[in-house]
Amino acid sequence: MLQDRDRLAFFEEAPDALLLSGEDLRIRRANQQAAALYRRPAEALVGLHALDDLRTPEALAVPAEWPSLPVGAATRVRTVHRDAAGNPIPVEVAVRVIRLDGQRAYVSVVRDIRDRVGAEAEIALLTRLLRVRAEINRLIAGEPDAAHLLQEACRLIAEVGDFVLVWIGRVDAASARITPVASAGPSRDYVTGLEVRADDSPQGRGPTGTAYRERRLVAVEDTELDPRVGPWRERMARHGLRSSAAAPILADERFHGVLTLYSRAVASFGGEVGRVISGVADDLAVALLRRAERQQLEAALLQSQKMEAVGRLAGGVAHDFNNLLTVVLGNVAELRCSLPTGSPLVTALDEIDAAAQRGATLTRQLLAFSRQQVLQPRRVDVNAAVLTVLPLLRRLVGESIVLRTLLAEGLGRVLIDQGQFEQVLFNLFANARDAMPGGGNITVRTEALVLDAPAARALDCAEPGAYVCITVEDTGLGMEPEVLAHVFEPFYTTKEQGKGTGLGLATVYGIVRQSRGGVEVSSDIGQGTAFRIYLPVAPGGKEAAPASA
């Protein structure tokens, strides 16, 4: 007995919380470390039941075995206790059964293992996330479409990563709203009617909106305490969302969305866990970027093949038509010579001749589009060529349209038929004029740049290297996407019947392609249209600073 009492003398000096309980499991003595752990005076612990009053309700559901152990036996268990405020404390309890004053008693050494549990939870989460990343990369290797990729990524993160909710949102630039496009998890109905914004409004200051604006991982460790989730706190509580992290899906400065995930428990998403979450978002971004680039290249190839086929057809028709016109014009000339002066048939011959000449003009345009027209290329100073025809262009567009030039210095010369280059400018200016019936602005801009291989392929240019870019931009009505898809096709026009042939932009396309260049167009309804012509710098021309188209 005395020996057991001596063993209790170390109570106050022990580094861990110590509790002495009687046979009835009521606490008889507690040291100061126990008082600090449970956040109540040691005297207040005396009289509490060592099981019923210290464990959380969840822990109470697990029966304790140590009260039935024989004297002298010992055991060690992990459980969850609670402090005076009810906060859970993960603990490891080492219990030895002793005899004290002739009765059974229990000495409990209670060790706070919150740090250990947190580290174990982080390792387990990290392991699950690494599995998630591996599964997503296997998914990406199968080259699924974008919608399937995002939905499956959400499902994998929720199921393998054990998250209660995962969703991916995309930003609507017009409304600044972040709209879910994929979601998974037991609480996926949380996103129904969810209002999240990309701006700095209260609905944009949560992890999702902040991750979008700041282009970085943003985490909320406890949704009950973090002020940033104020607009959604009650909603989160109803769905059991206790912590959250959001990462931008961003690659090559192209933003594809925001990945947001939620856990049932308070959690830290910093360190290696945060890096893996960001890595998952980066993997998705790269996959989406590559898919978009591949689709763009496929669309460009299909368009090029289509235009090539139409060009061959147009060229064949033009040659046959030109032969017919040669016969018509030759016979007109012979008839004119055989008619006496003052013959009434002269007027009819003049009309036939004028119609045939208009047909010849159409033939030349078709040949230019089909790249079968004989050109006389020479080294051309683009800026000088623009300034040469500028007075004519001013007369072409009229006084209601303001012309501006932004011509870069030090451009290399390009190899092109100058007359055909001027024709390109005339056609683009005529198109811009027709798009601004009430007047507006046309800006001509030149710049030097270098197209890398992907950019050259996207523009269907002959090869990468130094180029001169000529941009003709207007402030007109703009074009719908379905119009843009056909804008360079011959005979395609949105003008009224008799107002245009539909060959103006087709001619531009043919001349530029025959000069080994590329052409692209961008347009927004109500914002105007910009045509960009890329012409390769002639051998021996100046090199431009590297740039991307």
Protein backbone atom coordinates (compact mmCIF):
# COMPACT_ATOMS: atom_id res chain seq x y z
CA MET A 1 0.00 0.00 0.00
CA LEU A 2 2.68 2.41 0.99
CA GLN A 3 4.48 1.57 -2.22
CA ASP A 4 1.42 2.53 -4.28
CA ARG A 5 1.08 5.81 -2.39
CA ASP A 6 4.73 6.56 -3.08
CA ARG A 7 4.06 6.03 -6.79
CA LEU A 8 1.48 8.80 -6.67
CA ALA A 9 3.96 11.32 -5.32
CA PHE A 10 5.10 12.26 -8.82
CA PHE A 11 1.62 13.66 -9.76
CA GLU A 12 2.54 17.30 -9.81
CA GLU A 13 5.95 16.81 -11.42
CA ALA A 14 4.73 14.59 -14.28
CA PRO A 15 4.82 16.23 -17.78
CA ASP A 16 1.45 14.67 -18.74
CA ALA A 17 -2.03 15.03 -17.31
CA LEU A 18 -2.57 12.50 -14.49
CA LEU A 19 -5.87 11.37 -13.00
CA LEU A 20 -6.48 9.10 -10.01
CA SER A 21 -9.91 7.47 -10.02
CA GLY A 22 -11.55 5.25 -7.44
CA GLU A 23 -13.34 1.95 -7.98
CA ASP A 24 -16.48 3.92 -8.89
CA LEU A 25 -14.46 5.68 -11.65
CA ARG A 26 -14.93 9.05 -9.95
CA ILE A 27 -11.82 11.24 -10.08
CA ARG A 28 -10.17 11.66 -6.68
CA ARG A 29 -7.12 13.61 -7.68
CA ALA A 30 -5.87 15.54 -10.75
CA ASN A 31 -2.58 17.34 -11.34
CA GLN A 32 -2.06 20.82 -12.79
CA GLN A 33 -1.28 19.43 -16.23
CA ALA A 34 -4.75 17.86 -16.21
CA ALA A 35 -6.24 21.19 -15.17
CA ALA A 36 -4.49 22.87 -18.13
CA LEU A 37 -5.58 20.17 -20.57
CA TYR A 38 -9.26 20.28 -19.61
CA ARG A 39 -9.25 24.04 -18.98
CA ARG A 40 -10.73 23.83 -15.49
CA PRO A 41 -9.22 23.91 -11.97
CA ALA A 42 -7.92 20.60 -10.64
CA GLU A 43 -10.46 20.80 -7.82
CA ALA A 44 -13.27 21.01 -10.42
CA LEU A 45 -12.13 17.72 -11.94
CA VAL A 46 -12.47 15.91 -8.62
CA GLY A 47 -15.77 14.05 -8.48
CA LEU A 48 -16.24 13.84 -12.28
CA HIS A 49 -16.73 10.43 -13.85
CA ALA A 50 -13.51 9.47 -15.64
CA LEU A 51 -15.47 8.11 -18.60
CA ASP A 52 -18.92 9.70 -18.80
CA ASP A 53 -17.87 13.26 -17.94
CA LEU A 54 -14.63 13.51 -19.91
CA ARG A 55 -15.30 11.80 -23.24
CA THR A 56 -17.20 13.34 -26.17
CA PRO A 57 -20.64 11.90 -26.99
CA GLU A 58 -19.14 10.15 -30.02
CA ALA A 59 -16.42 8.55 -27.88
CA LEU A 60 -18.96 7.45 -25.27
CA ALA A 61 -20.53 5.20 -27.91
CA VAL A 62 -17.39 3.01 -27.72
CA PRO A 63 -17.37 0.83 -24.57
CA ALA A 64 -14.28 1.15 -22.37
CA GLU A 65 -12.59 -2.14 -21.45
CA TRP A 66 -10.13 -1.03 -18.81
CA PRO A 67 -12.59 -0.91 -15.83
CA SER A 68 -12.78 -4.72 -16.01
CA LEU A 69 -9.02 -5.32 -15.95
CA PRO A 70 -7.47 -7.10 -12.93
CA VAL A 71 -5.29 -5.27 -10.42
CA GLY A 72 -1.78 -4.79 -11.77
CA ALA A 73 -2.89 -4.84 -15.40
CA ALA A 74 -2.36 -1.89 -17.78
CA THR A 75 -3.71 -0.80 -21.16
CA ARG A 76 -3.45 2.06 -23.62
CA VAL A 77 -6.31 3.52 -25.68
CA ARG A 78 -6.88 6.42 -28.05
CA THR A 79 -10.07 8.37 -27.62
CA VAL A 80 -11.46 11.90 -27.65
CA HIS A 81 -12.01 13.91 -24.45
CA ARG A 82 -13.52 17.36 -24.15
CA ASP A 83 -12.50 20.50 -22.27
CA ALA A 84 -14.69 22.72 -20.11
CA ALA A 85 -16.06 24.47 -23.24
CA GLY A 86 -16.89 21.16 -24.95
CA ASN A 87 -14.06 21.38 -27.47
CA PRO A 88 -12.78 17.93 -28.52
CA ILE A 89 -9.28 16.86 -27.46
CA PRO A 90 -7.75 13.80 -29.15
CA VAL A 91 -5.90 11.97 -26.39
CA GLU A 92 -3.98 8.80 -25.71
CA VAL A 93 -4.79 7.36 -22.27
CA ALA A 94 -2.48 4.86 -20.51
CA VAL A 95 -4.36 3.24 -17.57
CA ARG A 96 -2.95 1.03 -14.80
CA VAL A 97 -5.15 -0.73 -12.25
CA ILE A 98 -3.76 -0.48 -8.71
CA ARG A 99 -4.93 -1.20 -5.19
CA LEU A 100 -5.18 1.85 -2.96
CA ASP A 101 -6.40 1.75 0.66
CA GLY A 102 -7.60 -1.79 0.02
CA GLN A 103 -9.71 -0.88 -2.96
CA ARG A 104 -9.32 -0.89 -6.73
CA ALA A 105 -8.13 2.39 -8.18
CA TYR A 106 -7.04 3.63 -11.59
CA VAL A 107 -4.12 5.83 -12.51
CA SER A 108 -4.62 7.43 -15.96
CA VAL A 109 -1.85 9.17 -17.87
CA VAL A 110 -3.61 11.39 -20.44
CA ARG A 111 -1.49 12.68 -23.31
CA ASP A 112 -2.69 15.39 -25.71
CA ILE A 113 -2.11 14.02 -29.23
CA ARG A 114 -3.73 16.79 -31.26
CA ASP A 115 -0.49 17.49 -33.11
CA ARG A 116 0.04 13.80 -33.82
CA VAL A 117 -3.54 13.30 -34.99
CA GLY A 118 -3.27 16.41 -37.17
CA ALA A 119 -0.05 15.12 -38.72
CA GLU A 120 -1.55 11.68 -39.31
CA ALA A 121 -4.66 13.24 -40.86
CA GLU A 122 -2.50 15.40 -43.11
CA ILE A 123 -0.45 12.38 -44.22
CA ALA A 124 -3.64 10.42 -44.91
CA LEU A 125 -5.11 13.36 -46.86
CA LEU A 126 -1.87 13.82 -48.79
CA THR A 127 -1.84 10.12 -49.67
CA ARG A 128 -5.43 10.31 -50.94
CA LEU A 129 -4.70 13.45 -52.95
CA LEU A 130 -1.67 11.86 -54.58
CA ARG A 131 -3.93 8.96 -55.59
CA VAL A 132 -6.41 11.51 -56.93
CA ARG A 133 -3.72 13.19 -59.02
CA ALA A 134 -2.57 9.87 -60.43
CA GLU A 135 -6.15 8.87 -61.32
CA ILE A 136 -6.83 12.24 -62.97
CA ASN A 137 -3.67 11.97 -65.07
CA ARG A 138 -4.77 8.52 -66.21
CA LEU A 139 -8.10 10.08 -67.09
CA ILE A 140 -6.38 12.89 -69.02
CA ALA A 141 -4.35 10.34 -70.97
CA GLY A 142 -7.63 9.01 -72.38
CA GLU A 143 -8.28 12.44 -73.95
CA PRO A 144 -11.90 12.87 -72.80
CA ASP A 145 -13.93 15.88 -73.84
CA ALA A 146 -13.75 18.89 -71.52
CA ALA A 147 -17.14 18.39 -69.86
CA HIS A 148 -16.44 14.71 -69.11
CA LEU A 149 -12.94 15.52 -67.82
CA LEU A 150 -14.20 18.14 -65.35
CA GLN A 151 -17.09 16.00 -64.09
CA GLU A 152 -14.91 12.92 -63.62
CA ALA A 153 -12.23 15.02 -61.90
CA CYS A 154 -14.82 16.25 -59.40
CA ARG A 155 -16.02 12.69 -58.79
CA LEU A 156 -12.48 11.35 -58.24
CA ILE A 157 -11.53 14.15 -55.87
CA ALA A 158 -14.74 13.67 -53.85
CA GLU A 159 -14.61 9.87 -53.69
CA VAL A 160 -10.89 9.13 -53.50
CA GLY A 161 -10.00 12.30 -51.62
CA ASP A 162 -12.96 11.88 -49.22
CA PHE A 163 -14.34 15.39 -49.65
CA VAL A 164 -17.98 16.15 -48.96
CA LEU A 165 -18.22 18.46 -51.99
CA VAL A 166 -16.09 19.33 -55.02
CA TRP A 167 -17.11 21.72 -57.76
CA ILE A 168 -15.54 23.54 -60.68
CA GLY A 169 -16.80 26.96 -61.70
CA ARG A 170 -16.21 29.14 -64.74
CA VAL A 171 -16.33 32.92 -64.81
CA ASP A 172 -18.88 34.79 -66.89
CA ALA A 173 -17.00 37.97 -67.81
CA ALA A 174 -20.18 39.94 -68.47
CA SER A 175 -21.82 39.30 -65.08
CA ALA A 176 -18.67 38.49 -63.03
CA ARG A 177 -20.48 35.41 -61.71
CA ILE A 178 -18.71 32.09 -61.14
CA THR A 179 -21.08 29.39 -62.34
CA PRO A 180 -20.67 25.67 -61.50
CA VAL A 181 -20.05 23.51 -64.57
CA ALA A 182 -19.25 20.27 -62.70
CA SER A 183 -19.77 19.01 -59.15
CA ALA A 184 -19.67 15.83 -57.07
CA GLY A 185 -19.94 14.66 -53.47
CA PRO A 186 -22.67 13.97 -50.90
CA SER A 187 -23.42 17.70 -50.55
CA ARG A 188 -23.41 18.57 -54.26
CA ASP A 189 -26.87 20.16 -53.97
CA TYR A 190 -25.09 22.96 -52.06
CA VAL A 191 -24.15 24.55 -55.40
CA THR A 192 -27.77 24.77 -56.59
CA GLY A 193 -28.61 28.47 -56.63
CA LEU A 194 -25.19 29.31 -55.14
CA GLU A 195 -24.09 32.91 -55.73
CA VAL A 196 -20.33 33.30 -56.03
CA ARG A 197 -18.71 36.23 -57.80
CA ALA A 198 -15.31 36.98 -59.27
CA ASP A 199 -15.22 40.64 -58.17
CA ASP A 200 -14.39 42.12 -54.75
CA SER A 201 -17.99 42.13 -53.54
CA PRO A 202 -18.92 40.18 -50.34
CA GLN A 203 -19.91 37.21 -52.56
CA GLY A 204 -16.48 37.37 -54.19
CA ARG A 205 -14.31 37.36 -51.07
CA GLY A 206 -14.65 33.68 -50.28
CA PRO A 207 -11.99 31.18 -51.33
CA THR A 208 -13.37 30.70 -54.87
CA GLY A 209 -13.58 34.37 -55.83
CA THR A 210 -10.27 35.20 -54.15
CA ALA A 211 -8.51 32.29 -55.88
CA TYR A 212 -9.75 33.65 -59.22
CA ARG A 213 -8.61 37.23 -58.60
CA GLU A 214 -5.28 36.44 -56.93
CA ARG A 215 -4.44 33.41 -59.09
CA ARG A 216 -3.38 31.27 -56.09
CA LEU A 217 -4.63 28.61 -53.66
CA VAL A 218 -6.93 30.07 -50.99
CA ALA A 219 -8.01 28.04 -47.94
CA VAL A 220 -10.52 28.44 -45.11
CA GLU A 221 -9.61 26.17 -42.18
CA ASP A 222 -12.84 26.70 -40.22
CA THR A 223 -15.98 27.99 -41.90
CA GLU A 224 -17.58 28.68 -38.49
CA LEU A 225 -14.92 31.26 -37.66
CA ASP A 226 -13.54 32.71 -40.91
CA PRO A 227 -15.20 36.06 -41.75
CA ARG A 228 -14.63 35.59 -45.49
CA VAL A 229 -17.42 33.00 -45.74
CA GLY A 230 -20.01 35.17 -44.02
CA PRO A 231 -22.50 35.21 -46.93
CA TRP A 232 -22.61 31.39 -46.97
CA ARG A 233 -21.98 30.43 -43.31
CA GLU A 234 -25.50 29.18 -42.52
CA ARG A 235 -25.73 27.40 -45.86
CA MET A 236 -22.38 25.68 -45.20
CA ALA A 237 -23.46 24.59 -41.73
CA ARG A 238 -26.63 22.98 -43.12
CA HIS A 239 -24.57 20.97 -45.59
CA GLY A 240 -21.79 20.02 -43.18
CA LEU A 241 -19.04 22.03 -44.88
CA ARG A 242 -16.46 22.86 -42.18
CA SER A 243 -13.37 23.77 -44.23
CA SER A 244 -12.62 24.68 -47.82
CA ALA A 245 -9.88 25.29 -50.37
CA ALA A 246 -9.97 26.74 -53.88
CA ALA A 247 -7.31 26.71 -56.61
CA PRO A 248 -7.33 28.48 -60.00
CA ILE A 249 -7.30 26.26 -63.09
CA LEU A 250 -4.72 28.35 -64.93
CA ALA A 251 -2.16 27.49 -67.62
CA ASP A 252 -0.13 29.72 -69.90
CA GLU A 253 -2.04 32.76 -68.56
CA ARG A 254 -5.29 31.22 -69.81
CA PHE A 255 -7.93 30.92 -67.11
CA HIS A 256 -10.17 27.84 -67.33
CA GLY A 257 -12.02 27.99 -64.00
CA VAL A 258 -11.71 27.47 -60.24
CA LEU A 259 -11.54 24.13 -58.40
CA THR A 260 -13.21 24.32 -54.97
CA LEU A 261 -13.41 21.50 -52.42
CA TYR A 262 -14.89 21.13 -48.94
CA SER A 263 -14.20 18.88 -45.96
CA ARG A 264 -16.48 17.84 -43.09
CA ALA A 265 -13.82 18.70 -40.51
CA VAL A 266 -11.59 21.62 -39.63
CA ALA A 267 -8.54 21.20 -41.85
CA SER A 268 -5.40 22.96 -42.96
CA PHE A 269 -4.68 22.99 -46.68
CA GLY A 270 -1.22 24.48 -46.45
CA GLY A 271 2.18 22.94 -47.10
CA GLU A 272 2.41 19.85 -49.25
CA VAL A 273 -1.37 19.31 -49.23
CA GLY A 274 -1.91 22.74 -50.75
CA ARG A 275 0.78 22.12 -53.36
CA VAL A 276 -0.87 18.86 -54.43
CA ILE A 277 -4.30 20.52 -54.70
CA SER A 278 -2.75 23.26 -56.83
CA GLY A 279 -1.02 20.56 -58.85
CA VAL A 280 -4.35 18.85 -59.57
CA ALA A 281 -5.75 22.18 -60.78
CA ASP A 282 -2.64 22.74 -62.92
CA ASP A 283 -2.98 19.27 -64.49
CA LEU A 284 -6.57 20.03 -65.43
CA ALA A 285 -5.56 23.43 -66.82
CA VAL A 286 -2.81 21.99 -69.02
CA ALA A 287 -5.16 19.28 -70.30
CA LEU A 288 -7.85 21.84 -71.14
CA LEU A 289 -5.30 24.13 -72.80
CA ARG A 290 -3.88 21.33 -74.94
CA ARG A 291 -7.36 20.21 -75.91
CA ALA A 292 -8.34 23.76 -76.87
CA GLU A 293 -5.15 24.17 -78.92
CA ARG A 294 -5.73 20.81 -80.61
CA GLN A 295 -9.33 21.74 -81.44
CA GLN A 296 -8.13 25.09 -82.79
CA LEU A 297 -5.55 23.39 -84.99
CA GLU A 298 -8.08 20.81 -86.17
CA ALA A 299 -10.57 23.56 -87.02
CA ALA A 300 -7.87 25.52 -88.84
CA LEU A 301 -6.87 22.42 -90.81
CA LEU A 302 -10.46 21.66 -91.79
CA GLN A 303 -11.01 25.29 -92.81
CA SER A 304 -7.79 25.27 -94.81
CA GLN A 305 -8.76 22.05 -96.59
CA LYS A 306 -12.22 23.44 -97.28
CA MET A 307 -10.83 26.70 -98.66
CA GLU A 308 -8.30 24.76 -100.74
CA ALA A 309 -11.09 22.69 -102.30
CA VAL A 310 -13.24 25.74 -102.95
CA GLY A 311 -10.19 27.50 -104.39
CA ARG A 312 -9.50 24.71 -106.87
CA LEU A 313 -13.14 24.75 -107.93
CA ALA A 314 -13.13 28.56 -108.22
CA GLY A 315 -9.90 28.50 -110.20
CA GLY A 316 -11.27 25.97 -112.69
CA VAL A 317 -14.46 27.95 -113.15
CA ALA A 318 -12.51 31.19 -113.54
CA HIS A 319 -10.29 29.75 -116.27
CA ASP A 320 -13.25 28.37 -118.22
CA PHE A 321 -15.18 31.61 -117.74
CA ASN A 322 -12.14 33.64 -118.81
CA ASN A 323 -11.94 31.63 -122.07
CA LEU A 324 -15.60 32.38 -122.76
CA LEU A 325 -15.09 36.09 -122.02
CA THR A 326 -12.11 36.17 -124.39
CA VAL A 327 -14.37 34.96 -127.20
CA VAL A 328 -17.09 37.50 -126.26
CA LEU A 329 -14.67 40.44 -126.08
CA GLY A 330 -12.94 39.42 -129.33
CA ASN A 331 -16.23 39.26 -131.19
CA VAL A 332 -17.31 42.61 -129.70
CA ALA A 333 -14.09 44.17 -131.03
CA GLU A 334 -14.63 42.70 -134.52
CA LEU A 335 -18.26 43.78 -134.65
CA ARG A 336 -17.33 47.28 -133.51
CA CYS A 337 -14.86 47.58 -136.39
CA SER A 338 -17.41 46.35 -138.94
CA LEU A 339 -20.24 48.71 -137.92
CA PRO A 340 -20.64 52.02 -139.72
CA THR A 341 -20.27 55.23 -137.75
CA GLY A 342 -23.46 56.16 -135.94
CA SER A 343 -24.90 52.64 -136.03
CA PRO A 344 -27.53 52.10 -133.30
CA LEU A 345 -25.88 48.76 -132.53
CA VAL A 346 -22.83 50.53 -131.05
CA THR A 347 -24.75 51.21 -127.80
CA ALA A 348 -25.65 47.53 -127.49
CA LEU A 349 -22.02 46.54 -128.12
CA ASP A 350 -20.90 48.99 -125.40
CA GLU A 351 -23.24 47.32 -122.89
CA ILE A 352 -21.98 43.86 -123.92
CA ASP A 353 -18.38 45.06 -123.57
CA ALA A 354 -19.03 46.60 -120.10
CA ALA A 355 -20.72 43.42 -118.86
CA ALA A 356 -17.86 41.29 -120.17
CA GLN A 357 -15.31 43.57 -118.46
CA ARG A 358 -17.19 43.18 -115.17
CA GLY A 359 -17.07 39.43 -115.69
CA ALA A 360 -13.33 39.69 -116.31
CA THR A 361 -12.93 41.56 -113.00
CA LEU A 362 -14.80 38.78 -111.19
CA THR A 363 -12.58 36.26 -112.92
CA ARG A 364 -9.44 38.03 -111.66
CA GLN A 365 -10.87 38.02 -108.13
CA LEU A 366 -11.61 34.30 -108.36
CA LEU A 367 -8.08 33.64 -109.61
CA ALA A 368 -6.66 35.72 -106.74
CA PHE A 369 -8.69 33.71 -104.22
CA SER A 370 -7.66 30.40 -105.76
CA ARG A 371 -4.02 31.57 -105.78
CA GLN A 372 -3.72 30.92 -109.51
CA GLN A 373 -3.26 34.53 -110.53
CA VAL A 374 0.21 35.42 -111.81
CA LEU A 375 1.79 37.74 -109.25
CA GLN A 376 4.87 39.93 -109.51
CA PRO A 377 6.24 39.86 -105.96
CA ARG A 378 8.97 42.24 -104.88
CA ARG A 379 10.40 43.50 -101.60
CA VAL A 380 7.82 45.96 -100.27
CA ASP A 381 8.09 48.47 -97.43
CA VAL A 382 4.69 47.93 -95.80
CA ASN A 383 4.56 51.34 -94.11
CA ALA A 384 5.39 53.13 -97.36
CA ALA A 385 2.77 51.11 -99.23
CA VAL A 386 0.11 52.01 -96.64
CA LEU A 387 0.97 55.72 -96.80
CA THR A 388 0.93 55.64 -100.61
CA VAL A 389 -2.67 54.45 -100.86
CA LEU A 390 -3.94 56.29 -97.77
CA PRO A 391 -5.34 59.28 -99.76
CA LEU A 392 -7.32 56.90 -101.97
CA LEU A 393 -8.52 54.98 -98.94
CA ARG A 394 -9.77 58.22 -97.38
CA ARG A 395 -11.86 58.93 -100.47
CA LEU A 396 -13.09 55.33 -100.48
CA VAL A 397 -14.51 55.41 -96.93
CA GLY A 398 -15.88 58.95 -96.97
CA GLU A 399 -15.79 61.90 -94.58
CA SER A 400 -17.90 60.25 -91.84
CA ILE A 401 -15.10 57.79 -91.04
CA VAL A 402 -11.87 58.81 -89.28
CA LEU A 403 -8.67 57.03 -90.34
CA ARG A 404 -5.80 56.49 -87.90
CA THR A 405 -2.39 54.97 -88.57
CA LEU A 406 -0.10 53.41 -85.96
CA LEU A 407 2.93 52.35 -87.97
CA ALA A 408 5.85 50.73 -86.18
CA GLU A 409 9.36 51.74 -87.14
CA GLY A 410 12.11 49.44 -88.34
CA LEU A 411 9.92 46.87 -90.08
CA GLY A 412 11.51 44.32 -92.37
CA ARG A 413 10.42 44.30 -96.00
CA VAL A 414 7.98 41.64 -97.20
CA LEU A 415 7.85 39.82 -100.52
CA ILE A 416 4.50 40.53 -102.16
CA ASP A 417 2.95 41.94 -105.34
CA GLN A 418 2.46 45.59 -104.34
CA GLY A 419 -0.63 45.99 -106.49
CA GLN A 420 -2.19 42.95 -104.83
CA PHE A 421 -1.21 44.27 -101.37
CA GLU A 422 -2.99 47.51 -102.18
CA GLN A 423 -6.00 45.44 -103.31
CA VAL A 424 -5.99 43.74 -99.87
CA LEU A 425 -6.13 47.15 -98.18
CA PHE A 426 -8.91 48.40 -100.47
CA ASN A 427 -11.02 45.31 -99.82
CA LEU A 428 -10.54 45.49 -96.05
CA PHE A 429 -11.36 49.20 -95.97
CA ALA A 430 -14.46 48.67 -98.11
CA ASN A 431 -15.59 45.95 -95.71
CA ALA A 432 -14.98 48.23 -92.72
CA ARG A 433 -16.83 51.11 -94.40
CA ASP A 434 -19.89 48.95 -95.02
CA ALA A 435 -19.88 47.90 -91.35
CA MET A 436 -20.12 51.57 -90.23
CA PRO A 437 -23.05 53.16 -92.10
CA GLY A 438 -23.24 55.88 -89.48
CA GLY A 439 -19.51 56.58 -89.43
CA GLY A 440 -16.78 55.53 -87.04
CA ASN A 441 -13.03 54.88 -86.87
CA ILE A 442 -10.66 52.71 -88.88
CA THR A 443 -7.19 52.09 -87.48
CA VAL A 444 -4.30 50.68 -89.51
CA ARG A 445 -1.56 49.26 -87.32
CA THR A 446 1.74 47.64 -88.31
CA GLU A 447 4.14 45.75 -86.06
CA ALA A 448 7.05 43.33 -86.28
CA LEU A 449 6.90 40.00 -84.50
CA VAL A 450 8.20 36.45 -84.58
CA LEU A 451 5.79 33.54 -84.92
CA ASP A 452 6.87 30.33 -83.21
CA ALA A 453 5.89 26.98 -84.71
CA PRO A 454 2.53 26.61 -82.87
CA ALA A 455 1.49 30.17 -83.75
CA ALA A 456 2.49 29.71 -87.40
CA ARG A 457 0.51 26.45 -87.59
CA ALA A 458 -2.55 28.08 -86.01
CA LEU A 459 -2.44 30.82 -88.67
CA ASP A 460 -1.68 28.32 -91.46
CA CYS A 461 1.44 30.29 -92.34
CA ALA A 462 4.14 28.69 -94.47
CA GLU A 463 6.72 28.53 -91.69
CA PRO A 464 7.71 30.11 -88.35
CA GLY A 465 9.97 33.14 -88.28
CA ALA A 466 9.92 36.92 -88.59
CA TYR A 467 6.67 38.49 -89.79
CA VAL A 468 5.08 41.88 -90.31
CA CYS A 469 1.53 42.11 -88.98
CA ILE A 470 -0.88 44.59 -90.59
CA THR A 471 -4.09 45.14 -88.61
CA VAL A 472 -7.15 46.90 -90.01
CA GLU A 473 -9.58 47.52 -87.17
CA ASP A 474 -12.96 49.22 -87.28
CA THR A 475 -15.57 50.31 -84.73
CA GLY A 476 -18.46 48.94 -86.72
CA LEU A 477 -21.35 46.58 -86.11
CA GLY A 478 -19.24 43.46 -85.58
CA MET A 479 -20.02 39.93 -86.73
CA GLU A 480 -21.75 36.93 -85.20
CA PRO A 481 -19.61 33.78 -84.69
CA GLU A 482 -21.51 31.94 -87.43
CA VAL A 483 -20.63 34.74 -89.86
CA LEU A 484 -16.97 34.69 -88.83
CA ALA A 485 -16.82 30.97 -89.65
CA HIS A 486 -17.59 31.69 -93.34
CA VAL A 487 -16.18 35.18 -93.80
CA PHE A 488 -13.39 34.19 -96.26
CA GLU A 489 -15.52 31.89 -98.40
CA PRO A 490 -16.19 33.07 -101.98
CA PHE A 491 -19.68 34.39 -102.70
CA TYR A 492 -20.55 34.40 -99.00
CA THR A 493 -22.07 37.76 -98.10
CA THR A 494 -24.51 39.19 -95.57
CA LYS A 495 -25.24 42.21 -97.76
CA GLU A 496 -28.45 42.76 -99.68
CA GLN A 497 -28.70 41.23 -103.13
CA GLY A 498 -26.83 43.37 -105.63
CA LYS A 499 -24.78 45.12 -102.90
CA GLY A 500 -21.78 42.83 -103.05
CA THR A 501 -20.27 39.83 -104.82
CA GLY A 502 -18.98 38.04 -101.73
CA LEU A 503 -15.48 37.97 -103.21
CA GLY A 504 -13.81 40.89 -101.42
CA LEU A 505 -12.57 39.01 -98.33
CA ALA A 506 -12.07 35.81 -100.33
CA THR A 507 -9.68 37.78 -102.52
CA VAL A 508 -7.84 39.02 -99.41
CA TYR A 509 -7.48 35.43 -98.23
CA GLY A 510 -6.18 34.22 -101.59
CA ILE A 511 -3.61 37.00 -102.03
CA VAL A 512 -2.23 36.60 -98.50
CA ARG A 513 -2.03 32.81 -98.73
CA GLN A 514 -0.33 32.99 -102.14
CA SER A 515 2.21 35.33 -100.52
CA ARG A 516 2.98 32.62 -97.90
CA GLY A 517 1.23 34.58 -95.16
CA GLY A 518 -1.71 34.13 -92.84
CA VAL A 519 -4.86 36.03 -92.00
CA GLU A 520 -7.16 35.99 -88.97
CA VAL A 521 -10.20 37.97 -87.88
CA SER A 522 -11.78 38.74 -84.51
CA SER A 523 -15.06 40.49 -83.94
CA ASP A 524 -17.60 41.30 -81.24
CA ILE A 525 -21.13 42.45 -81.85
CA GLY A 526 -21.33 46.19 -81.31
CA GLN A 527 -17.56 46.44 -80.73
CA GLY A 528 -16.16 46.21 -84.24
CA THR A 529 -13.90 43.90 -86.24
CA ALA A 530 -10.14 43.49 -86.62
CA PHE A 531 -8.43 41.78 -89.56
CA ARG A 532 -4.77 40.84 -89.02
CA ILE A 533 -2.56 40.07 -92.00
CA TYR A 534 0.75 38.24 -91.32
CA LEU A 535 3.36 38.49 -94.07
CA PRO A 536 6.80 36.85 -93.75
CA VAL A 537 9.80 39.13 -93.77
CA ALA A 538 11.77 38.71 -96.99
CA PRO A 539 15.22 37.06 -96.71
CA GLY A 540 17.72 39.61 -95.51
CA GLY A 541 15.03 41.68 -93.79
CA LYS A 542 15.30 42.80 -90.21
CA GLU A 543 14.58 40.35 -87.38
CA ALA A 544 11.79 41.28 -84.99
CA ALA A 545 11.73 40.71 -81.27
CA PRO A 546 10.11 37.34 -80.38
CA ALA A 547 6.39 37.60 -79.86
CA SER A 548 3.30 35.44 -80.02
CA ALA A 549 0.38 35.92 -82.31
